[in-house]
Amino acid sequence: MFTNSISPALQAHLDVQLTFVTELSRKMFDTAMRVNELNMRLAQDMLEEMASTNHRILAARGGSEAMSAAAGQVQPRADKLRHYQQQLSHLMADANVEMNRTAEAHLPEASRTAIAFADELVRKTAEETEKATQRQRDMMDKMHAGAHSDGASRQEHAQAH
């Protein structure tokens, strides 16, 4: 029968998988932190610009000066958003490279341990199947031997009467 303990091959495979998932999680967390920092910088820059623009609009001496102050901020904000988009794209590309490197570093070992576990499982299954087959043979032999001895006892009993 199979035991409830974890086999060394399964333990090795689980350890490799855990290391792989841990490293991937760490990479994803680092990426999330960088995205958060980028978002915070953008928000801070936009708020500072908005405050500055609002101050200029409030200090304006007329409607045309206020409109000019507001319109003057459209292009710089668009440039900041374009720069943000470029930084975000670069950050995500770097994260993708890091994830691929991590996978390339861990997948060969994960495959090796999975194959070792599968081989062990096949071997143990074959052993258990052989043991079960042998137990069935032994049981059939006992039943066959019992049937012969019962038959012989009946014949002896019939001849005695």
C-alpha atoms as a PDB file:
ATOM      1  CA  MET A   1       0.000   0.000   0.000  1.00  0.00           C
ATOM      2  CA  PHE A   2       1.015   3.587  -0.464  1.00  0.00           C
ATOM      3  CA  THR A   3       2.332   5.312   2.602  1.00  0.00           C
ATOM      4  CA  ASN A   4       1.082   8.668   3.807  1.00  0.00           C
ATOM      5  CA  SER A   5       4.570  10.145   3.987  1.00  0.00           C
ATOM      6  CA  ILE A   6       5.806  12.426   1.232  1.00  0.00           C
ATOM      7  CA  SER A   7       8.359  10.794  -1.004  1.00  0.00           C
ATOM      8  CA  PRO A   8      11.769  12.420  -1.451  1.00  0.00           C
ATOM      9  CA  ALA A   9      11.048  12.976  -5.156  1.00  0.00           C
ATOM     10  CA  LEU A  10       7.764  14.742  -4.389  1.00  0.00           C
ATOM     11  CA  GLN A  11       9.414  16.789  -1.637  1.00  0.00           C
ATOM     12  CA  ALA A  12      12.179  17.864  -4.034  1.00  0.00           C
ATOM     13  CA  HIS A  13       9.615  18.816  -6.670  1.00  0.00           C
ATOM     14  CA  LEU A  14       7.530  20.802  -4.180  1.00  0.00           C
ATOM     15  CA  ASP A  15      10.655  22.595  -2.924  1.00  0.00           C
ATOM     16  CA  VAL A  16      11.631  23.571  -6.471  1.00  0.00           C
ATOM     17  CA  GLN A  17       8.092  24.757  -7.211  1.00  0.00           C
ATOM     18  CA  LEU A  18       7.976  26.785  -3.994  1.00  0.00           C
ATOM     19  CA  THR A  19      11.306  28.441  -4.773  1.00  0.00           C
ATOM     20  CA  PHE A  20      10.112  29.261  -8.289  1.00  0.00           C
ATOM     21  CA  VAL A  21       6.792  30.725  -7.127  1.00  0.00           C
ATOM     22  CA  THR A  22       8.517  32.666  -4.341  1.00  0.00           C
ATOM     23  CA  GLU A  23      10.983  34.240  -6.746  1.00  0.00           C
ATOM     24  CA  LEU A  24       8.236  35.061  -9.268  1.00  0.00           C
ATOM     25  CA  SER A  25       6.170  36.621  -6.485  1.00  0.00           C
ATOM     26  CA  ARG A  26       9.141  38.692  -5.387  1.00  0.00           C
ATOM     27  CA  LYS A  27       9.671  39.929  -8.958  1.00  0.00           C
ATOM     28  CA  MET A  28       5.983  40.804  -9.319  1.00  0.00           C
ATOM     29  CA  PHE A  29       5.993  42.619  -5.978  1.00  0.00           C
ATOM     30  CA  ASP A  30       9.075  44.620  -7.010  1.00  0.00           C
ATOM     31  CA  THR A  31       7.342  45.536 -10.266  1.00  0.00           C
ATOM     32  CA  ALA A  32       4.205  46.597  -8.413  1.00  0.00           C
ATOM     33  CA  MET A  33       6.331  48.778  -6.129  1.00  0.00           C
ATOM     34  CA  ARG A  34       8.000  50.446  -9.124  1.00  0.00           C
ATOM     35  CA  VAL A  35       4.633  51.048 -10.810  1.00  0.00           C
ATOM     36  CA  ASN A  36       3.323  52.520  -7.561  1.00  0.00           C
ATOM     37  CA  GLU A  37       6.346  54.845  -7.284  1.00  0.00           C
ATOM     38  CA  LEU A  38       5.866  55.936 -10.893  1.00  0.00           C
ATOM     39  CA  ASN A  39       2.165  56.595 -10.291  1.00  0.00           C
ATOM     40  CA  MET A  40       2.919  58.568  -7.127  1.00  0.00           C
ATOM     41  CA  ARG A  41       5.499  60.738  -8.950  1.00  0.00           C
ATOM     42  CA  LEU A  42       3.013  61.436 -11.744  1.00  0.00           C
ATOM     43  CA  ALA A  43       0.241  62.306  -9.285  1.00  0.00           C
ATOM     44  CA  GLN A  44       2.560  64.561  -7.293  1.00  0.00           C
ATOM     45  CA  ASP A  45       3.819  66.344 -10.422  1.00  0.00           C
ATOM     46  CA  MET A  46       0.290  66.810 -11.752  1.00  0.00           C
ATOM     47  CA  LEU A  47      -0.964  68.162  -8.419  1.00  0.00           C
ATOM     48  CA  GLU A  48       1.960  70.591  -8.185  1.00  0.00           C
ATOM     49  CA  GLU A  49       1.345  71.795 -11.724  1.00  0.00           C
ATOM     50  CA  MET A  50      -2.375  72.134 -11.084  1.00  0.00           C
ATOM     51  CA  ALA A  51      -1.721  74.179  -7.940  1.00  0.00           C
ATOM     52  CA  SER A  52       0.715  76.389  -9.833  1.00  0.00           C
ATOM     53  CA  THR A  53      -1.725  76.846 -12.722  1.00  0.00           C
ATOM     54  CA  ASN A  54      -4.587  77.613 -10.337  1.00  0.00           C
ATOM     55  CA  HIS A  55      -2.395  80.188  -8.584  1.00  0.00           C
ATOM     56  CA  ARG A  56      -1.584  81.859 -11.942  1.00  0.00           C
ATOM     57  CA  ILE A  57      -5.245  81.809 -12.979  1.00  0.00           C
ATOM     58  CA  LEU A  58      -6.290  83.397  -9.691  1.00  0.00           C
ATOM     59  CA  ALA A  59      -3.530  86.009 -10.025  1.00  0.00           C
ATOM     60  CA  ALA A  60      -4.503  86.812 -13.626  1.00  0.00           C
ATOM     61  CA  ARG A  61      -5.755  90.350 -14.322  1.00  0.00           C
ATOM     62  CA  GLY A  62      -8.322  89.396 -16.848  1.00  0.00           C
ATOM     63  CA  GLY A  63     -10.088  86.596 -18.635  1.00  0.00           C
ATOM     64  CA  SER A  64      -7.597  86.413 -21.483  1.00  0.00           C
ATOM     65  CA  GLU A  65      -4.635  86.206 -19.104  1.00  0.00           C
ATOM     66  CA  ALA A  66      -6.410  83.436 -17.145  1.00  0.00           C
ATOM     67  CA  MET A  67      -7.197  81.538 -20.354  1.00  0.00           C
ATOM     68  CA  SER A  68      -3.603  81.951 -21.477  1.00  0.00           C
ATOM     69  CA  ALA A  69      -2.312  80.560 -18.148  1.00  0.00           C
ATOM     70  CA  ALA A  70      -4.654  77.560 -18.386  1.00  0.00           C
ATOM     71  CA  ALA A  71      -3.914  76.890 -22.057  1.00  0.00           C
ATOM     72  CA  GLY A  72      -0.190  77.108 -21.416  1.00  0.00           C
ATOM     73  CA  GLN A  73      -0.382  74.000 -19.243  1.00  0.00           C
ATOM     74  CA  VAL A  74      -2.001  71.680 -21.792  1.00  0.00           C
ATOM     75  CA  GLN A  75       1.199  70.825 -23.671  1.00  0.00           C
ATOM     76  CA  PRO A  76       3.411  70.329 -20.577  1.00  0.00           C
ATOM     77  CA  ARG A  77       0.784  67.981 -19.078  1.00  0.00           C
ATOM     78  CA  ALA A  78       0.523  66.028 -22.325  1.00  0.00           C
ATOM     79  CA  ASP A  79       4.329  65.758 -22.367  1.00  0.00           C
ATOM     80  CA  LYS A  80       4.342  64.503 -18.771  1.00  0.00           C
ATOM     81  CA  LEU A  81       1.702  61.885 -19.600  1.00  0.00           C
ATOM     82  CA  ARG A  82       3.664  60.761 -22.662  1.00  0.00           C
ATOM     83  CA  HIS A  83       6.826  60.512 -20.532  1.00  0.00           C
ATOM     84  CA  TYR A  84       4.862  58.542 -17.913  1.00  0.00           C
ATOM     85  CA  GLN A  85       3.600  56.160 -20.590  1.00  0.00           C
ATOM     86  CA  GLN A  86       7.152  55.615 -21.863  1.00  0.00           C
ATOM     87  CA  GLN A  87       8.450  54.958 -18.351  1.00  0.00           C
ATOM     88  CA  LEU A  88       5.582  52.556 -17.655  1.00  0.00           C
ATOM     89  CA  SER A  89       6.202  50.692 -20.919  1.00  0.00           C
ATOM     90  CA  HIS A  90       9.918  50.452 -20.123  1.00  0.00           C
ATOM     91  CA  LEU A  91       9.175  49.258 -16.594  1.00  0.00           C
ATOM     92  CA  MET A  92       6.780  46.560 -17.844  1.00  0.00           C
ATOM     93  CA  ALA A  93       9.246  45.427 -20.514  1.00  0.00           C
ATOM     94  CA  ASP A  94      11.948  45.116 -17.846  1.00  0.00           C
ATOM     95  CA  ALA A  95       9.540  43.166 -15.632  1.00  0.00           C
ATOM     96  CA  ASN A  96       8.753  40.820 -18.517  1.00  0.00           C
ATOM     97  CA  VAL A  97      12.469  40.202 -19.082  1.00  0.00           C
ATOM     98  CA  GLU A  98      12.958  39.479 -15.379  1.00  0.00           C
ATOM     99  CA  MET A  99      10.006  37.073 -15.282  1.00  0.00           C
ATOM    100  CA  ASN A 100      11.342  35.238 -18.325  1.00  0.00           C
ATOM    101  CA  ARG A 101      14.814  34.990 -16.778  1.00  0.00           C
ATOM    102  CA  THR A 102      13.313  33.622 -13.593  1.00  0.00           C
ATOM    103  CA  ALA A 103      11.293  31.056 -15.516  1.00  0.00           C
ATOM    104  CA  GLU A 104      14.308  30.045 -17.605  1.00  0.00           C
ATOM    105  CA  ALA A 105      16.343  29.621 -14.437  1.00  0.00           C
ATOM    106  CA  HIS A 106      13.778  27.458 -12.630  1.00  0.00           C
ATOM    107  CA  LEU A 107      11.876  25.487 -15.255  1.00  0.00           C
ATOM    108  CA  PRO A 108      14.638  23.000 -16.139  1.00  0.00           C
ATOM    109  CA  GLU A 109      14.948  21.943 -12.491  1.00  0.00           C
ATOM    110  CA  ALA A 110      11.158  21.875 -12.088  1.00  0.00           C
ATOM    111  CA  SER A 111      10.898  19.642 -15.153  1.00  0.00           C
ATOM    112  CA  ARG A 112      13.648  17.363 -13.879  1.00  0.00           C
ATOM    113  CA  THR A 113      12.019  16.949 -10.462  1.00  0.00           C
ATOM    114  CA  ALA A 114       8.580  16.407 -12.047  1.00  0.00           C
ATOM    115  CA  ILE A 115      10.008  13.639 -14.224  1.00  0.00           C
ATOM    116  CA  ALA A 116      11.765  12.087 -11.220  1.00  0.00           C
ATOM    117  CA  PHE A 117       8.511  12.145  -9.255  1.00  0.00           C
ATOM    118  CA  ALA A 118       6.550  10.653 -12.167  1.00  0.00           C
ATOM    119  CA  ASP A 119       9.167   7.906 -12.553  1.00  0.00           C
ATOM    120  CA  GLU A 120       8.977   7.143  -8.843  1.00  0.00           C
ATOM    121  CA  LEU A 121       5.184   7.074  -8.983  1.00  0.00           C
ATOM    122  CA  VAL A 122       5.219   4.671 -11.946  1.00  0.00           C
ATOM    123  CA  ARG A 123       7.748   2.440 -10.174  1.00  0.00           C
ATOM    124  CA  LYS A 124       5.756   2.377  -6.925  1.00  0.00           C
ATOM    125  CA  THR A 125       2.517   1.737  -8.799  1.00  0.00           C
ATOM    126  CA  ALA A 126       4.121  -1.180 -10.638  1.00  0.00           C
ATOM    127  CA  GLU A 127       5.420  -2.572  -7.330  1.00  0.00           C
ATOM    128  CA  GLU A 128       2.000  -2.244  -5.691  1.00  0.00           C
ATOM    129  CA  THR A 129       0.318  -3.839  -8.705  1.00  0.00           C
ATOM    130  CA  GLU A 130       2.757  -6.747  -8.556  1.00  0.00           C
ATOM    131  CA  LYS A 131       2.118  -7.172  -4.816  1.00  0.00           C
ATOM    132  CA  ALA A 132      -1.657  -7.135  -5.350  1.00  0.00           C
ATOM    133  CA  THR A 133      -1.345  -9.644  -8.191  1.00  0.00           C
ATOM    134  CA  GLN A 134       0.788 -11.910  -6.004  1.00  0.00           C
ATOM    135  CA  ARG A 135      -1.745 -11.685  -3.158  1.00  0.00           C
ATOM    136  CA  GLN A 136      -4.504 -12.672  -5.593  1.00  0.00           C
ATOM    137  CA  ARG A 137      -2.424 -15.625  -6.833  1.00  0.00           C
ATOM    138  CA  ASP A 138      -1.765 -16.719  -3.258  1.00  0.00           C
ATOM    139  CA  MET A 139      -5.470 -16.455  -2.431  1.00  0.00           C
ATOM    140  CA  MET A 140      -6.416 -18.455  -5.537  1.00  0.00           C
ATOM    141  CA  ASP A 141      -3.826 -21.109  -4.643  1.00  0.00           C
ATOM    142  CA  LYS A 142      -5.241 -21.356  -1.100  1.00  0.00           C
ATOM    143  CA  MET A 143      -8.780 -21.578  -2.426  1.00  0.00           C
ATOM    144  CA  HIS A 144      -7.725 -24.216  -4.952  1.00  0.00           C
ATOM    145  CA  ALA A 145      -5.863 -26.197  -2.316  1.00  0.00           C
ATOM    146  CA  GLY A 146      -8.849 -25.912   0.054  1.00  0.00           C
ATOM    147  CA  ALA A 147     -11.224 -27.126  -2.660  1.00  0.00           C
ATOM    148  CA  HIS A 148      -9.018 -30.171  -3.311  1.00  0.00           C
ATOM    149  CA  SER A 149      -8.784 -31.038   0.356  1.00  0.00           C
ATOM    150  CA  ASP A 150     -12.568 -30.587   0.802  1.00  0.00           C
ATOM    151  CA  GLY A 151     -13.193 -32.809  -2.221  1.00  0.00           C
ATOM    152  CA  ALA A 152     -10.851 -35.483  -0.886  1.00  0.00           C
ATOM    153  CA  SER A 153     -12.509 -35.346   2.552  1.00  0.00           C
ATOM    154  CA  ARG A 154     -15.955 -35.806   0.997  1.00  0.00           C
ATOM    155  CA  GLN A 155     -14.795 -38.783  -1.031  1.00  0.00           C
ATOM    156  CA  GLU A 156     -13.265 -40.380   2.058  1.00  0.00           C
ATOM    157  CA  HIS A 157     -16.449 -39.684   4.010  1.00  0.00           C
ATOM    158  CA  ALA A 158     -18.633 -41.134   1.223  1.00  0.00           C
ATOM    159  CA  GLN A 159     -16.505 -44.298   1.031  1.00  0.00           C
ATOM    160  CA  ALA A 160     -16.665 -44.742   4.780  1.00  0.00           C
ATOM    161  CA  HIS A 161     -20.482 -44.774   4.777  1.00  0.00           C
END
